[in-house]
Amino acid sequence: MSSPATTPATQPQKTSEAPAPVKRSLASRVLTRPEIGAVVAAIAIFIFFMAIAPPFRTLPSFSTVLYASSTIGIVAVGVALLMIGGEFDLSSGVTVVTAALCAALVTYQLSLNMWVGVLVSLIVALGIGFINGYLVVKTKIPSFLITLSTFFMLRGINLGVTKATTGTVATANVSELDGFLAAKAMFASDVPLGFITVKITVLWWLLFVAIGTWILLRTKVGNWIFAAGGNADSARAVGVPVPKVKIGLFMGVSFLGWFYGMHLLFNFSSVQSGLGIGNEFIYIIAAVVGGCLLTGGYGSIVGAAVGAFIFGMTTQGIVFAGFDPNWFYTFLGAMLLLAVLVNLYIKNYAATRR
């Protein structure tokens, strides 16, 4: 006996509906954020210095902490973006000083308006960033080596040109030049906020953090940065202009280095050519503490800002507490090691929760 024919009505129905996404708890979403480790550390350090250092509790002291944080945080924004894009810049510290020296020497030696020096130094800084990025993407030499070479060259140029021009290792005082006061208002003025007075660098820092976060999380360029840092070959395969992205990121670091260099010049009216040595490591550590992985493709601009705030609190808190400032470098090393371990754990935890 033949089996009865199966009618369409009796056939099993295939569904094309995708499975409903698994809803993650609030705690899971918070714990997988790159900056969570830095936020916890910042809270602990803040409570520690509030408890042991009475001067730390005053508003003027907090203003000093914010200023110290901004001097690290401005450049750390660009460094964090570059690290997320999979590269390093070891010349960022001396680029700051190169920009300041360029503006001071050009305007003073040629008796020009300060704004001419500001513009010339911006072009020089962007040129340094472009050269770094171009050499990295064209030669395939690791950015660590390219920018380390740039570091040594700029260090020598800063000292050699300044001494040849002025006879000393510092620029002349430029406070009497035309345009100085207007430029100082933009780069180095004090801003009263009613309950507290802060350096304008604090406001610029917050603005750069907001812009960097918007670029990273709300634009196509941000997706390109993550892709280029995560896997450059795969990114190229899907149409990401990896060379342009990386060159742009190097130029971004140089731009923010130029900005901080202008602050140094207009805040002190003169610049020492030997400044900036070692600051590049502090910018990188601030980014790493804030959640950026050394391998690229992962990180947060807000986290880098929190990392800068941690260093601002520590540098000032050690002084307010009466500790030996030399312990700061021990803190740097410990925070770097701890941040790498925490960030690796958070990344692995996030991967298992997707």
Protein backbone atom coordinates (compact mmCIF):
# COMPACT_ATOMS: atom_id res chain seq x y z
CA MET A 1 0.00 0.00 0.00
CA SER A 2 1.34 3.31 -0.95
CA SER A 3 1.66 5.98 1.67
CA PRO A 4 -0.76 8.89 1.45
CA ALA A 5 0.53 11.95 -0.34
CA THR A 6 1.62 14.76 1.90
CA THR A 7 -0.27 17.95 1.19
CA PRO A 8 1.36 21.34 1.39
CA ALA A 9 -0.76 22.04 4.42
CA THR A 10 0.85 19.15 6.28
CA GLN A 11 4.45 20.04 5.38
CA PRO A 12 6.59 21.53 8.16
CA GLN A 13 6.80 25.29 7.93
CA LYS A 14 10.25 26.88 7.67
CA THR A 15 10.73 30.14 9.42
CA SER A 16 12.98 32.92 8.19
CA GLU A 17 12.85 34.88 11.41
CA ALA A 18 16.21 35.51 13.03
CA PRO A 19 16.57 34.47 16.65
CA ALA A 20 15.81 37.26 19.07
CA PRO A 21 18.97 38.95 20.32
CA VAL A 22 19.98 38.09 23.84
CA LYS A 23 19.45 41.04 26.12
CA ARG A 24 22.50 41.82 28.20
CA SER A 25 22.14 43.03 31.75
CA LEU A 26 23.16 46.53 32.74
CA ALA A 27 26.01 45.12 34.81
CA SER A 28 27.29 43.11 31.83
CA ARG A 29 27.19 46.18 29.56
CA VAL A 30 29.02 48.31 32.12
CA LEU A 31 31.70 45.71 32.84
CA THR A 32 32.54 45.34 29.16
CA ARG A 33 33.22 49.06 28.65
CA PRO A 34 36.94 49.74 27.93
CA GLU A 35 37.12 52.58 30.43
CA ILE A 36 35.54 50.80 33.42
CA GLY A 37 38.89 49.84 34.96
CA ALA A 38 40.14 53.43 34.75
CA VAL A 39 36.93 54.78 36.30
CA VAL A 40 37.22 52.42 39.27
CA ALA A 41 40.89 53.36 39.73
CA ALA A 42 40.10 57.08 39.50
CA ILE A 43 37.42 56.80 42.19
CA ALA A 44 39.77 54.88 44.49
CA ILE A 45 42.62 57.38 44.01
CA PHE A 46 40.29 60.34 44.51
CA ILE A 47 38.98 58.89 47.81
CA PHE A 48 42.54 58.09 48.93
CA PHE A 49 43.87 61.62 48.47
CA MET A 50 40.68 63.19 49.85
CA ALA A 51 41.22 61.16 53.01
CA ILE A 52 44.95 61.78 53.59
CA ALA A 53 45.61 65.21 52.03
CA PRO A 54 43.46 68.06 53.38
CA PRO A 55 44.68 70.57 50.73
CA PHE A 56 43.35 68.18 48.06
CA ARG A 57 39.79 68.94 49.22
CA THR A 58 39.80 72.62 48.25
CA LEU A 59 38.47 74.05 44.97
CA PRO A 60 41.75 75.80 44.04
CA SER A 61 43.55 72.47 44.45
CA PHE A 62 40.96 70.74 42.30
CA SER A 63 41.52 73.41 39.65
CA THR A 64 45.24 72.57 39.76
CA VAL A 65 44.43 68.87 39.35
CA LEU A 66 42.24 69.61 36.33
CA TYR A 67 44.98 71.72 34.77
CA ALA A 68 47.61 69.01 35.27
CA SER A 69 45.18 66.50 33.77
CA SER A 70 44.50 68.68 30.74
CA THR A 71 48.20 69.04 29.92
CA ILE A 72 48.33 65.26 29.56
CA GLY A 73 44.82 64.71 28.30
CA ILE A 74 44.89 66.99 25.26
CA VAL A 75 47.61 65.01 23.49
CA ALA A 76 46.34 61.71 24.96
CA VAL A 77 43.14 62.11 22.90
CA GLY A 78 45.14 61.87 19.67
CA VAL A 79 47.42 59.16 21.05
CA ALA A 80 44.40 57.06 22.05
CA LEU A 81 42.85 57.36 18.58
CA LEU A 82 46.18 56.37 17.04
CA MET A 83 46.54 53.36 19.34
CA ILE A 84 43.02 52.20 18.55
CA GLY A 85 44.11 52.47 14.92
CA GLY A 86 46.97 50.09 15.69
CA GLU A 87 49.98 52.46 15.80
CA PHE A 88 52.26 54.33 18.23
CA ASP A 89 53.86 57.76 18.17
CA LEU A 90 56.97 58.12 20.30
CA SER A 91 57.67 61.58 18.90
CA SER A 92 54.56 63.26 20.34
CA GLY A 93 56.40 64.72 23.35
CA VAL A 94 59.11 66.46 21.33
CA THR A 95 56.60 67.50 18.65
CA VAL A 96 54.94 69.64 21.33
CA VAL A 97 58.23 71.47 21.95
CA THR A 98 59.11 71.67 18.26
CA ALA A 99 55.84 73.50 17.59
CA ALA A 100 56.40 75.93 20.45
CA LEU A 101 60.01 76.62 19.48
CA CYS A 102 59.05 77.13 15.84
CA ALA A 103 56.39 79.71 16.70
CA ALA A 104 58.70 81.58 19.08
CA LEU A 105 61.81 81.60 16.90
CA VAL A 106 60.05 82.56 13.67
CA THR A 107 58.15 85.47 15.18
CA TYR A 108 60.93 86.83 17.38
CA GLN A 109 63.80 86.55 14.89
CA LEU A 110 61.75 88.02 12.03
CA SER A 111 59.77 90.50 14.17
CA LEU A 112 56.44 89.12 12.98
CA ASN A 113 52.98 88.99 14.52
CA MET A 114 52.58 86.03 16.88
CA TRP A 115 49.72 84.62 14.81
CA VAL A 116 52.14 84.14 11.90
CA GLY A 117 54.29 81.96 14.14
CA VAL A 118 51.20 80.07 15.31
CA LEU A 119 50.23 79.29 11.71
CA VAL A 120 53.78 78.36 10.63
CA SER A 121 54.18 76.04 13.61
CA LEU A 122 50.86 74.37 12.81
CA ILE A 123 52.07 73.62 9.28
CA VAL A 124 55.34 72.24 10.65
CA ALA A 125 53.54 70.04 13.19
CA LEU A 126 51.11 68.65 10.61
CA GLY A 127 54.08 68.00 8.32
CA ILE A 128 55.76 65.95 11.05
CA GLY A 129 52.61 63.89 11.51
CA PHE A 130 52.23 63.37 7.76
CA ILE A 131 55.83 62.21 7.37
CA ASN A 132 55.47 59.78 10.27
CA GLY A 133 52.27 58.32 8.85
CA TYR A 134 53.49 58.21 5.26
CA LEU A 135 56.68 56.38 6.20
CA VAL A 136 54.75 53.86 8.31
CA VAL A 137 52.23 52.95 5.59
CA LYS A 138 54.71 52.99 2.71
CA THR A 139 57.69 51.20 4.27
CA LYS A 140 55.72 48.82 6.55
CA ILE A 141 58.33 49.52 9.21
CA PRO A 142 56.72 49.42 12.67
CA SER A 143 55.59 52.83 13.85
CA PHE A 144 57.59 52.28 17.03
CA LEU A 145 60.82 52.51 15.02
CA ILE A 146 59.72 55.27 12.64
CA THR A 147 58.58 57.59 15.42
CA LEU A 148 61.54 56.72 17.63
CA SER A 149 63.77 57.95 14.79
CA THR A 150 61.66 61.09 14.53
CA PHE A 151 62.00 61.56 18.29
CA PHE A 152 65.80 61.62 18.15
CA MET A 153 65.91 63.86 15.07
CA LEU A 154 63.50 66.41 16.53
CA ARG A 155 65.31 66.38 19.85
CA GLY A 156 68.56 67.24 18.10
CA ILE A 157 66.93 69.85 15.86
CA ASN A 158 65.24 71.52 18.84
CA LEU A 159 68.48 71.87 20.74
CA GLY A 160 70.72 72.65 17.76
CA VAL A 161 68.54 75.26 16.06
CA THR A 162 67.65 77.02 19.31
CA LYS A 163 71.27 77.29 20.42
CA ALA A 164 72.43 78.40 16.99
CA THR A 165 69.74 81.07 16.85
CA THR A 166 69.68 82.43 20.39
CA GLY A 167 73.01 81.29 21.81
CA THR A 168 71.17 79.48 24.62
CA VAL A 169 68.86 76.46 24.94
CA ALA A 170 65.76 78.65 25.38
CA THR A 171 63.87 81.11 23.23
CA ALA A 172 63.65 84.81 23.98
CA ASN A 173 60.64 86.21 25.82
CA VAL A 174 57.95 86.88 23.21
CA SER A 175 55.39 88.57 25.47
CA GLU A 176 55.97 92.00 23.89
CA LEU A 177 55.27 90.89 20.31
CA ASP A 178 52.11 91.88 18.47
CA GLY A 179 49.31 89.36 18.82
CA PHE A 180 50.71 87.77 21.99
CA LEU A 181 47.83 88.78 24.26
CA ALA A 182 45.17 87.62 21.82
CA ALA A 183 46.92 84.28 21.34
CA LYS A 184 47.35 83.91 25.09
CA ALA A 185 43.62 84.42 25.57
CA MET A 186 42.99 81.49 23.25
CA PHE A 187 45.67 79.09 24.46
CA ALA A 188 46.61 79.98 28.05
CA SER A 189 44.05 82.22 29.74
CA ASP A 190 42.25 81.70 33.04
CA VAL A 191 38.50 81.17 32.80
CA PRO A 192 36.30 81.98 35.83
CA LEU A 193 33.34 79.60 36.11
CA GLY A 194 31.78 81.26 39.14
CA PHE A 195 32.64 78.70 41.80
CA ILE A 196 36.09 77.89 40.38
CA THR A 197 38.67 79.37 38.00
CA VAL A 198 40.32 76.99 35.55
CA LYS A 199 42.87 77.23 32.79
CA ILE A 200 41.32 77.37 29.34
CA THR A 201 43.20 74.16 28.51
CA VAL A 202 40.69 72.31 30.71
CA LEU A 203 37.81 73.47 28.50
CA TRP A 204 39.75 72.67 25.31
CA TRP A 205 40.55 69.24 26.71
CA LEU A 206 36.88 68.47 27.36
CA LEU A 207 36.00 69.70 23.87
CA PHE A 208 38.64 67.50 22.24
CA VAL A 209 37.42 64.49 24.26
CA ALA A 210 33.87 65.13 23.06
CA ILE A 211 34.98 65.48 19.44
CA GLY A 212 37.18 62.39 19.61
CA THR A 213 34.38 60.34 21.16
CA TRP A 214 31.93 61.51 18.51
CA ILE A 215 34.34 60.63 15.70
CA LEU A 216 35.06 57.21 17.16
CA LEU A 217 31.50 56.15 17.98
CA ARG A 218 29.24 58.09 15.62
CA THR A 219 31.03 58.38 12.28
CA LYS A 220 32.23 56.17 9.46
CA VAL A 221 35.78 57.27 10.19
CA GLY A 222 35.44 55.83 13.68
CA ASN A 223 34.48 52.44 12.21
CA TRP A 224 37.49 52.69 9.91
CA ILE A 225 39.79 53.39 12.88
CA PHE A 226 38.57 50.32 14.76
CA ALA A 227 38.83 48.19 11.61
CA ALA A 228 42.34 49.41 10.72
CA GLY A 229 43.56 48.70 14.23
CA GLY A 230 41.83 45.36 14.59
CA ASN A 231 42.91 43.78 11.30
CA ALA A 232 44.34 46.05 8.61
CA ASP A 233 44.26 43.38 5.88
CA SER A 234 40.60 42.56 6.48
CA ALA A 235 39.82 46.28 6.61
CA ARG A 236 41.43 46.82 3.20
CA ALA A 237 39.42 43.90 1.81
CA VAL A 238 36.15 45.61 2.68
CA GLY A 239 37.18 48.98 1.29
CA VAL A 240 38.59 50.82 4.29
CA PRO A 241 41.26 53.34 3.15
CA VAL A 242 43.74 52.14 5.76
CA PRO A 243 46.73 54.27 4.61
CA LYS A 244 44.69 57.49 4.66
CA VAL A 245 43.21 56.62 8.07
CA LYS A 246 46.61 55.99 9.62
CA ILE A 247 48.24 59.07 8.12
CA GLY A 248 45.29 61.12 9.35
CA LEU A 249 45.67 59.70 12.85
CA PHE A 250 49.38 60.60 12.97
CA MET A 251 48.50 64.12 11.85
CA GLY A 252 45.83 64.25 14.56
CA VAL A 253 48.43 63.50 17.22
CA SER A 254 50.68 66.23 15.80
CA PHE A 255 47.79 68.72 15.73
CA LEU A 256 47.02 68.16 19.41
CA GLY A 257 50.74 68.29 20.17
CA TRP A 258 50.87 71.65 18.38
CA PHE A 259 47.94 72.89 20.43
CA TYR A 260 49.60 71.99 23.71
CA GLY A 261 52.85 73.51 22.44
CA MET A 262 51.05 76.80 21.89
CA HIS A 263 49.81 76.65 25.45
CA LEU A 264 53.35 76.19 26.75
CA LEU A 265 54.60 79.13 24.72
CA PHE A 266 51.85 81.58 25.68
CA ASN A 267 51.65 80.44 29.28
CA PHE A 268 55.37 80.93 29.98
CA SER A 269 56.36 83.39 27.18
CA SER A 270 59.51 81.36 26.54
CA VAL A 271 60.29 77.71 25.81
CA GLN A 272 63.17 75.48 26.88
CA SER A 273 64.33 73.34 23.96
CA GLY A 274 64.92 70.29 26.15
CA LEU A 275 61.32 69.99 27.34
CA GLY A 276 59.02 67.16 26.35
CA ILE A 277 61.45 64.28 26.80
CA GLY A 278 59.52 61.34 28.25
CA ASN A 279 56.06 62.87 27.93
CA GLU A 280 55.24 60.56 25.02
CA PHE A 281 55.26 57.63 27.44
CA ILE A 282 52.87 59.41 29.80
CA TYR A 283 50.43 60.03 26.93
CA ILE A 284 50.59 56.35 25.96
CA ILE A 285 50.18 55.19 29.56
CA ALA A 286 47.14 57.46 30.00
CA ALA A 287 45.58 55.85 26.93
CA VAL A 288 46.44 52.32 28.11
CA VAL A 289 45.12 52.98 31.62
CA GLY A 290 41.95 54.25 29.94
CA GLY A 291 41.36 50.98 28.10
CA CYS A 292 43.35 51.15 24.86
CA LEU A 293 45.04 47.87 24.00
CA LEU A 294 48.63 47.88 22.78
CA THR A 295 47.53 45.59 19.94
CA GLY A 296 45.00 48.13 18.56
CA GLY A 297 41.35 47.84 17.60
CA TYR A 298 39.98 48.48 21.09
CA GLY A 299 39.79 51.49 23.37
CA SER A 300 37.97 54.62 24.45
CA ILE A 301 38.61 58.35 24.31
CA VAL A 302 36.69 58.86 27.54
CA GLY A 303 38.92 56.22 29.08
CA ALA A 304 42.03 58.09 27.97
CA ALA A 305 40.60 61.23 29.57
CA VAL A 306 40.05 59.33 32.82
CA GLY A 307 43.62 58.03 32.56
CA ALA A 308 44.88 61.61 32.22
CA PHE A 309 42.75 62.62 35.21
CA ILE A 310 44.32 59.81 37.26
CA PHE A 311 47.79 61.19 36.53
CA GLY A 312 46.64 64.72 37.26
CA MET A 313 45.31 63.62 40.64
CA THR A 314 48.45 61.62 41.40
CA THR A 315 51.02 64.28 40.48
CA GLN A 316 49.25 66.90 42.58
CA GLY A 317 48.00 64.56 45.30
CA ILE A 318 51.53 63.35 46.07
CA VAL A 319 52.57 66.97 46.62
CA PHE A 320 49.52 67.82 48.73
CA ALA A 321 50.07 64.72 50.86
CA GLY A 322 53.73 65.57 51.42
CA PHE A 323 55.10 62.42 49.76
CA ASP A 324 58.40 62.21 47.90
CA PRO A 325 57.54 63.08 44.25
CA ASN A 326 59.98 60.42 43.04
CA TRP A 327 57.39 57.80 43.98
CA PHE A 328 55.33 59.03 41.03
CA TYR A 329 57.40 56.94 38.63
CA THR A 330 56.79 53.82 40.68
CA PHE A 331 53.11 54.60 40.38
CA LEU A 332 53.47 54.98 36.60
CA GLY A 333 54.96 51.53 36.21
CA ALA A 334 52.46 49.87 38.53
CA MET A 335 49.48 51.52 36.81
CA LEU A 336 50.73 50.49 33.37
CA LEU A 337 51.13 46.84 34.38
CA LEU A 338 47.79 46.75 36.18
CA ALA A 339 46.02 48.48 33.29
CA VAL A 340 47.34 45.99 30.74
CA LEU A 341 46.12 43.07 32.87
CA VAL A 342 42.71 44.64 33.53
CA ASN A 343 42.19 45.66 29.90
CA LEU A 344 43.06 42.17 28.68
CA TYR A 345 40.58 40.66 31.13
CA ILE A 346 37.84 43.09 30.11
CA LYS A 347 38.40 42.40 26.41
CA ASN A 348 38.21 38.64 26.97
CA TYR A 349 35.11 39.07 29.13
CA ALA A 350 33.48 41.22 26.46
CA ALA A 351 34.24 38.60 23.79
CA THR A 352 32.47 35.89 25.80
CA ARG A 353 29.41 38.09 26.35
CA ARG A 354 28.71 38.99 22.73
